[in-house]
Amino acid sequence: MSVTKLQHHFVNLAKRLNAWRGITVLLAFISGALLGASLLLDNPQMNNYQVGFILLLGWSLLGYFFIASFSLYDGHIPANASWLTRVKHKLAKFFIRILTLIFVLMVAVTLYLTLRLISVFSS
């Protein structure tokens, strides 16, 4: 799948998920607060949940990054647009392609870290 098709799918998905933007911030704040509390309290029962808090924090921040990056992009340009508008549109398309590649890389790293944390702490 080419970057342009992947970018198109990401933009459509992010526009649909824009209502969840606040929820991802709330989840990140809650998991960050719980992680901080578990580190400060040093309670053995809370230590069992630290991996879950870290994973929830990572995935909610990744979701927020996805929605914030791709929901604001409008791929349509009018036919009678000026040259400055066309240049800005091409720069925006280039920036969105870079964001697409960064997002795919971030998902791969987050999946790797998730599987690594689960395998380390489950044994």
N, C-alpha and C. Protein backbone atom coordinates (compact mmCIF):
# COMPACT_ATOMS: atom_id res chain seq x y z
N MET A 1 0.85 -1.17 0.00
CA MET A 1 0.00 0.00 0.00
C MET A 1 0.90 1.24 0.00
N SER A 2 0.61 2.17 -0.88
CA SER A 2 1.44 3.36 -0.99
C SER A 2 1.13 4.34 0.14
N VAL A 3 2.04 5.27 0.32
CA VAL A 3 1.88 6.25 1.39
C VAL A 3 0.66 7.13 1.13
N THR A 4 0.37 7.43 -0.13
CA THR A 4 -0.77 8.29 -0.45
C THR A 4 -2.08 7.61 -0.08
N LYS A 5 -2.22 6.33 -0.39
CA LYS A 5 -3.45 5.61 -0.02
C LYS A 5 -3.56 5.48 1.49
N LEU A 6 -2.45 5.18 2.14
CA LEU A 6 -2.45 5.07 3.59
C LEU A 6 -2.79 6.41 4.23
N GLN A 7 -2.26 7.49 3.67
CA GLN A 7 -2.57 8.83 4.15
C GLN A 7 -4.05 9.12 3.99
N HIS A 8 -4.64 8.75 2.89
CA HIS A 8 -6.06 8.96 2.65
C HIS A 8 -6.91 8.21 3.67
N HIS A 9 -6.54 6.97 3.96
CA HIS A 9 -7.28 6.19 4.94
C HIS A 9 -7.12 6.76 6.35
N PHE A 10 -5.91 7.22 6.68
CA PHE A 10 -5.67 7.82 7.99
C PHE A 10 -6.48 9.09 8.17
N VAL A 11 -6.54 9.93 7.14
CA VAL A 11 -7.29 11.18 7.24
C VAL A 11 -8.77 10.89 7.44
N ASN A 12 -9.32 9.94 6.68
CA ASN A 12 -10.74 9.61 6.85
C ASN A 12 -11.03 9.03 8.23
N LEU A 13 -10.17 8.15 8.71
CA LEU A 13 -10.36 7.56 10.03
C LEU A 13 -10.24 8.60 11.14
N ALA A 14 -9.29 9.49 11.01
CA ALA A 14 -9.10 10.52 12.04
C ALA A 14 -10.28 11.48 12.10
N LYS A 15 -10.86 11.79 10.96
CA LYS A 15 -12.04 12.67 10.96
C LYS A 15 -13.22 11.99 11.63
N ARG A 16 -13.33 10.68 11.48
CA ARG A 16 -14.40 9.95 12.16
C ARG A 16 -14.16 9.86 13.66
N LEU A 17 -12.90 9.77 14.07
CA LEU A 17 -12.55 9.61 15.48
C LEU A 17 -12.32 10.93 16.21
N ASN A 18 -12.58 12.05 15.57
CA ASN A 18 -12.31 13.35 16.18
C ASN A 18 -13.07 13.55 17.49
N ALA A 19 -14.23 12.94 17.64
CA ALA A 19 -15.01 13.07 18.88
C ALA A 19 -14.31 12.40 20.05
N TRP A 20 -13.41 11.46 19.80
CA TRP A 20 -12.71 10.73 20.86
C TRP A 20 -11.45 11.45 21.32
N ARG A 21 -11.17 12.58 20.77
CA ARG A 21 -9.95 13.32 21.07
C ARG A 21 -9.85 13.67 22.56
N GLY A 22 -10.91 14.16 23.14
CA GLY A 22 -10.91 14.52 24.56
C GLY A 22 -10.78 13.31 25.46
N ILE A 23 -11.35 12.20 25.04
CA ILE A 23 -11.28 10.98 25.84
C ILE A 23 -9.85 10.46 25.91
N THR A 24 -9.11 10.57 24.81
CA THR A 24 -7.72 10.11 24.82
C THR A 24 -6.87 10.97 25.75
N VAL A 25 -7.14 12.27 25.78
CA VAL A 25 -6.41 13.15 26.70
C VAL A 25 -6.75 12.80 28.14
N LEU A 26 -8.03 12.54 28.41
CA LEU A 26 -8.45 12.17 29.76
C LEU A 26 -7.81 10.86 30.20
N LEU A 27 -7.77 9.88 29.31
CA LEU A 27 -7.12 8.60 29.63
C LEU A 27 -5.63 8.78 29.89
N ALA A 28 -4.98 9.62 29.10
CA ALA A 28 -3.55 9.87 29.31
C ALA A 28 -3.32 10.55 30.65
N PHE A 29 -4.17 11.52 31.00
CA PHE A 29 -4.01 12.22 32.28
C PHE A 29 -4.25 11.27 33.45
N ILE A 30 -5.29 10.45 33.36
CA ILE A 30 -5.59 9.51 34.44
C ILE A 30 -4.48 8.48 34.60
N SER A 31 -4.04 7.90 33.49
CA SER A 31 -2.98 6.89 33.60
C SER A 31 -1.66 7.50 34.07
N GLY A 32 -1.37 8.72 33.66
CA GLY A 32 -0.16 9.38 34.13
C GLY A 32 -0.23 9.67 35.63
N ALA A 33 -1.41 10.10 36.09
CA ALA A 33 -1.58 10.38 37.53
C ALA A 33 -1.48 9.08 38.34
N LEU A 34 -2.12 8.02 37.85
CA LEU A 34 -2.05 6.75 38.56
C LEU A 34 -0.64 6.17 38.55
N LEU A 35 0.07 6.35 37.44
CA LEU A 35 1.45 5.88 37.38
C LEU A 35 2.32 6.67 38.36
N GLY A 36 2.14 7.97 38.40
CA GLY A 36 2.89 8.79 39.35
C GLY A 36 2.58 8.43 40.79
N ALA A 37 1.29 8.19 41.07
CA ALA A 37 0.90 7.81 42.43
C ALA A 37 1.49 6.45 42.81
N SER A 38 1.48 5.52 41.88
CA SER A 38 2.03 4.19 42.19
C SER A 38 3.54 4.23 42.40
N LEU A 39 4.21 5.14 41.69
CA LEU A 39 5.66 5.28 41.89
C LEU A 39 5.98 5.97 43.21
N LEU A 40 5.16 6.94 43.59
CA LEU A 40 5.41 7.66 44.85
C LEU A 40 5.04 6.84 46.07
N LEU A 41 3.97 6.08 46.01
CA LEU A 41 3.52 5.32 47.16
C LEU A 41 4.37 4.09 47.42
N ASP A 42 4.95 3.54 46.37
CA ASP A 42 5.79 2.34 46.48
C ASP A 42 5.06 1.21 47.21
N ASN A 43 3.81 1.02 46.84
CA ASN A 43 2.98 -0.04 47.41
C ASN A 43 3.11 -1.28 46.53
N PRO A 44 3.40 -2.46 47.09
CA PRO A 44 3.56 -3.66 46.25
C PRO A 44 2.32 -4.01 45.43
N GLN A 45 1.14 -3.69 45.95
CA GLN A 45 -0.07 -3.98 45.18
C GLN A 45 -0.20 -3.04 43.98
N MET A 46 0.22 -1.79 44.14
CA MET A 46 0.16 -0.84 43.03
C MET A 46 1.24 -1.12 41.99
N ASN A 47 2.34 -1.74 42.41
CA ASN A 47 3.42 -2.04 41.47
C ASN A 47 2.98 -3.02 40.39
N ASN A 48 2.00 -3.85 40.69
CA ASN A 48 1.50 -4.80 39.71
C ASN A 48 0.80 -4.11 38.55
N TYR A 49 0.28 -2.92 38.78
CA TYR A 49 -0.48 -2.21 37.75
C TYR A 49 0.34 -1.19 36.96
N GLN A 50 1.61 -1.03 37.29
CA GLN A 50 2.42 -0.02 36.62
C GLN A 50 2.58 -0.28 35.12
N VAL A 51 2.71 -1.53 34.74
CA VAL A 51 2.84 -1.85 33.31
C VAL A 51 1.57 -1.47 32.57
N GLY A 52 0.43 -1.74 33.16
CA GLY A 52 -0.84 -1.36 32.54
C GLY A 52 -0.97 0.15 32.42
N PHE A 53 -0.53 0.88 33.44
CA PHE A 53 -0.59 2.35 33.39
C PHE A 53 0.32 2.89 32.30
N ILE A 54 1.51 2.30 32.17
CA ILE A 54 2.44 2.74 31.13
C ILE A 54 1.87 2.46 29.74
N LEU A 55 1.28 1.29 29.56
CA LEU A 55 0.71 0.94 28.26
C LEU A 55 -0.49 1.83 27.94
N LEU A 56 -1.34 2.08 28.92
CA LEU A 56 -2.50 2.95 28.70
C LEU A 56 -2.05 4.36 28.36
N LEU A 57 -1.04 4.85 29.03
CA LEU A 57 -0.50 6.17 28.74
C LEU A 57 0.06 6.23 27.32
N GLY A 58 0.83 5.24 26.93
CA GLY A 58 1.42 5.22 25.59
C GLY A 58 0.38 5.14 24.49
N TRP A 59 -0.59 4.25 24.64
CA TRP A 59 -1.60 4.08 23.61
C TRP A 59 -2.55 5.27 23.53
N SER A 60 -2.88 5.88 24.66
CA SER A 60 -3.77 7.04 24.60
C SER A 60 -3.05 8.25 23.98
N LEU A 61 -1.77 8.43 24.29
CA LEU A 61 -1.02 9.51 23.64
C LEU A 61 -0.84 9.26 22.15
N LEU A 62 -0.64 8.02 21.78
CA LEU A 62 -0.54 7.68 20.36
C LEU A 62 -1.87 7.94 19.65
N GLY A 63 -2.98 7.60 20.29
CA GLY A 63 -4.29 7.89 19.71
C GLY A 63 -4.54 9.37 19.56
N TYR A 64 -4.15 10.15 20.56
CA TYR A 64 -4.31 11.60 20.47
C TYR A 64 -3.46 12.16 19.34
N PHE A 65 -2.22 11.70 19.23
CA PHE A 65 -1.35 12.16 18.15
C PHE A 65 -1.96 11.86 16.79
N PHE A 66 -2.52 10.66 16.66
CA PHE A 66 -3.14 10.27 15.39
C PHE A 66 -4.31 11.19 15.05
N ILE A 67 -5.22 11.38 16.01
CA ILE A 67 -6.40 12.19 15.74
C ILE A 67 -6.02 13.65 15.49
N ALA A 68 -5.12 14.19 16.28
CA ALA A 68 -4.73 15.59 16.13
C ALA A 68 -3.98 15.84 14.83
N SER A 69 -3.19 14.90 14.40
CA SER A 69 -2.38 15.11 13.20
C SER A 69 -3.19 15.01 11.92
N PHE A 70 -4.10 14.07 11.86
CA PHE A 70 -4.76 13.79 10.59
C PHE A 70 -6.17 14.34 10.47
N SER A 71 -6.79 14.80 11.54
CA SER A 71 -8.18 15.25 11.43
C SER A 71 -8.30 16.65 10.84
N LEU A 72 -7.25 17.46 10.91
CA LEU A 72 -7.32 18.83 10.42
C LEU A 72 -6.96 18.97 8.95
N TYR A 73 -6.52 17.92 8.31
CA TYR A 73 -6.06 18.00 6.92
C TYR A 73 -7.24 17.95 5.97
N ASP A 74 -7.28 18.91 5.05
CA ASP A 74 -8.30 18.92 4.01
C ASP A 74 -7.57 18.78 2.67
N GLY A 75 -7.79 17.69 1.99
CA GLY A 75 -7.04 17.39 0.77
C GLY A 75 -7.55 18.06 -0.49
N HIS A 76 -8.60 18.84 -0.41
CA HIS A 76 -9.18 19.46 -1.61
C HIS A 76 -8.68 20.89 -1.76
N ILE A 77 -8.39 21.24 -3.00
CA ILE A 77 -7.96 22.58 -3.34
C ILE A 77 -8.81 23.07 -4.50
N PRO A 78 -9.29 24.32 -4.47
CA PRO A 78 -10.12 24.81 -5.58
C PRO A 78 -9.31 24.94 -6.87
N ALA A 79 -10.00 24.84 -7.99
CA ALA A 79 -9.32 24.88 -9.30
C ALA A 79 -8.72 26.24 -9.59
N ASN A 80 -9.32 27.31 -9.09
CA ASN A 80 -8.81 28.65 -9.38
C ASN A 80 -7.97 29.21 -8.23
N ALA A 81 -7.25 28.36 -7.54
CA ALA A 81 -6.44 28.78 -6.40
C ALA A 81 -5.17 29.49 -6.87
N SER A 82 -4.69 30.39 -6.05
CA SER A 82 -3.47 31.13 -6.40
C SER A 82 -2.25 30.23 -6.24
N TRP A 83 -1.11 30.72 -6.71
CA TRP A 83 0.11 29.91 -6.63
C TRP A 83 0.54 29.72 -5.18
N LEU A 84 0.31 30.73 -4.33
CA LEU A 84 0.67 30.59 -2.92
C LEU A 84 -0.17 29.50 -2.24
N THR A 85 -1.44 29.44 -2.58
CA THR A 85 -2.31 28.41 -2.03
C THR A 85 -1.87 27.04 -2.49
N ARG A 86 -1.48 26.93 -3.76
CA ARG A 86 -1.01 25.65 -4.28
C ARG A 86 0.29 25.20 -3.60
N VAL A 87 1.21 26.15 -3.36
CA VAL A 87 2.46 25.82 -2.69
C VAL A 87 2.19 25.38 -1.25
N LYS A 88 1.30 26.10 -0.56
CA LYS A 88 0.94 25.72 0.80
C LYS A 88 0.29 24.35 0.82
N HIS A 89 -0.52 24.05 -0.17
CA HIS A 89 -1.17 22.74 -0.25
C HIS A 89 -0.13 21.63 -0.47
N LYS A 90 0.84 21.88 -1.34
CA LYS A 90 1.88 20.87 -1.58
C LYS A 90 2.74 20.67 -0.33
N LEU A 91 3.04 21.74 0.39
CA LEU A 91 3.78 21.61 1.64
C LEU A 91 2.97 20.84 2.68
N ALA A 92 1.67 21.09 2.73
CA ALA A 92 0.82 20.37 3.67
C ALA A 92 0.77 18.89 3.32
N LYS A 93 0.68 18.57 2.02
CA LYS A 93 0.69 17.16 1.61
C LYS A 93 2.00 16.49 1.98
N PHE A 94 3.11 17.19 1.80
CA PHE A 94 4.42 16.65 2.17
C PHE A 94 4.50 16.42 3.67
N PHE A 95 4.01 17.39 4.45
CA PHE A 95 4.02 17.27 5.91
C PHE A 95 3.14 16.11 6.37
N ILE A 96 1.98 15.93 5.75
CA ILE A 96 1.10 14.82 6.11
C ILE A 96 1.74 13.49 5.75
N ARG A 97 2.46 13.42 4.66
CA ARG A 97 3.16 12.17 4.32
C ARG A 97 4.23 11.85 5.36
N ILE A 98 4.95 12.86 5.81
CA ILE A 98 5.95 12.63 6.86
C ILE A 98 5.26 12.18 8.14
N LEU A 99 4.13 12.81 8.50
CA LEU A 99 3.39 12.40 9.69
C LEU A 99 2.88 10.96 9.55
N THR A 100 2.48 10.57 8.35
CA THR A 100 2.03 9.21 8.14
C THR A 100 3.15 8.21 8.42
N LEU A 101 4.33 8.50 7.90
CA LEU A 101 5.46 7.60 8.14
C LEU A 101 5.86 7.59 9.61
N ILE A 102 5.84 8.74 10.26
CA ILE A 102 6.16 8.81 11.69
C ILE A 102 5.13 8.02 12.49
N PHE A 103 3.85 8.16 12.13
CA PHE A 103 2.81 7.45 12.86
C PHE A 103 2.96 5.93 12.70
N VAL A 104 3.24 5.46 11.51
CA VAL A 104 3.43 4.02 11.29
C VAL A 104 4.63 3.53 12.09
N LEU A 105 5.70 4.31 12.13
CA LEU A 105 6.86 3.94 12.93
C LEU A 105 6.53 3.93 14.42
N MET A 106 5.76 4.92 14.88
CA MET A 106 5.36 4.96 16.30
C MET A 106 4.48 3.78 16.67
N VAL A 107 3.59 3.38 15.79
CA VAL A 107 2.74 2.21 16.07
C VAL A 107 3.61 0.96 16.18
N ALA A 108 4.57 0.82 15.28
CA ALA A 108 5.45 -0.35 15.34
C ALA A 108 6.25 -0.38 16.64
N VAL A 109 6.78 0.76 17.03
CA VAL A 109 7.55 0.82 18.28
C VAL A 109 6.66 0.56 19.49
N THR A 110 5.46 1.13 19.48
CA THR A 110 4.54 0.93 20.61
C THR A 110 4.09 -0.52 20.69
N LEU A 111 3.83 -1.15 19.56
CA LEU A 111 3.50 -2.57 19.58
C LEU A 111 4.66 -3.41 20.10
N TYR A 112 5.87 -3.10 19.66
CA TYR A 112 7.04 -3.83 20.14
C TYR A 112 7.20 -3.68 21.65
N LEU A 113 7.08 -2.43 22.14
CA LEU A 113 7.22 -2.20 23.58
C LEU A 113 6.10 -2.86 24.36
N THR A 114 4.89 -2.86 23.80
CA THR A 114 3.77 -3.53 24.47
C THR A 114 4.04 -5.02 24.61
N LEU A 115 4.43 -5.64 23.54
CA LEU A 115 4.71 -7.08 23.59
C LEU A 115 5.91 -7.38 24.48
N ARG A 116 6.90 -6.51 24.46
CA ARG A 116 8.08 -6.71 25.30
C ARG A 116 7.72 -6.57 26.79
N LEU A 117 6.93 -5.55 27.13
CA LEU A 117 6.53 -5.38 28.52
C LEU A 117 5.65 -6.51 29.00
N ILE A 118 4.75 -6.97 28.14
CA ILE A 118 3.88 -8.07 28.54
C ILE A 118 4.71 -9.35 28.74
N SER A 119 5.66 -9.60 27.85
CA SER A 119 6.45 -10.84 28.00
C SER A 119 7.39 -10.77 29.20
N VAL A 120 7.93 -9.61 29.50
CA VAL A 120 8.84 -9.47 30.63
C VAL A 120 8.09 -9.61 31.96
N PHE A 121 6.95 -8.94 32.06
CA PHE A 121 6.25 -8.91 33.34
C PHE A 121 5.25 -10.04 33.52
N SER A 122 4.99 -10.81 32.47
CA SER A 122 4.06 -11.94 32.65
C SER A 122 4.79 -13.20 33.10
N SER A 123 6.10 -13.25 32.91
CA SER A 123 6.83 -14.45 33.33
C SER A 123 7.35 -14.34 34.74
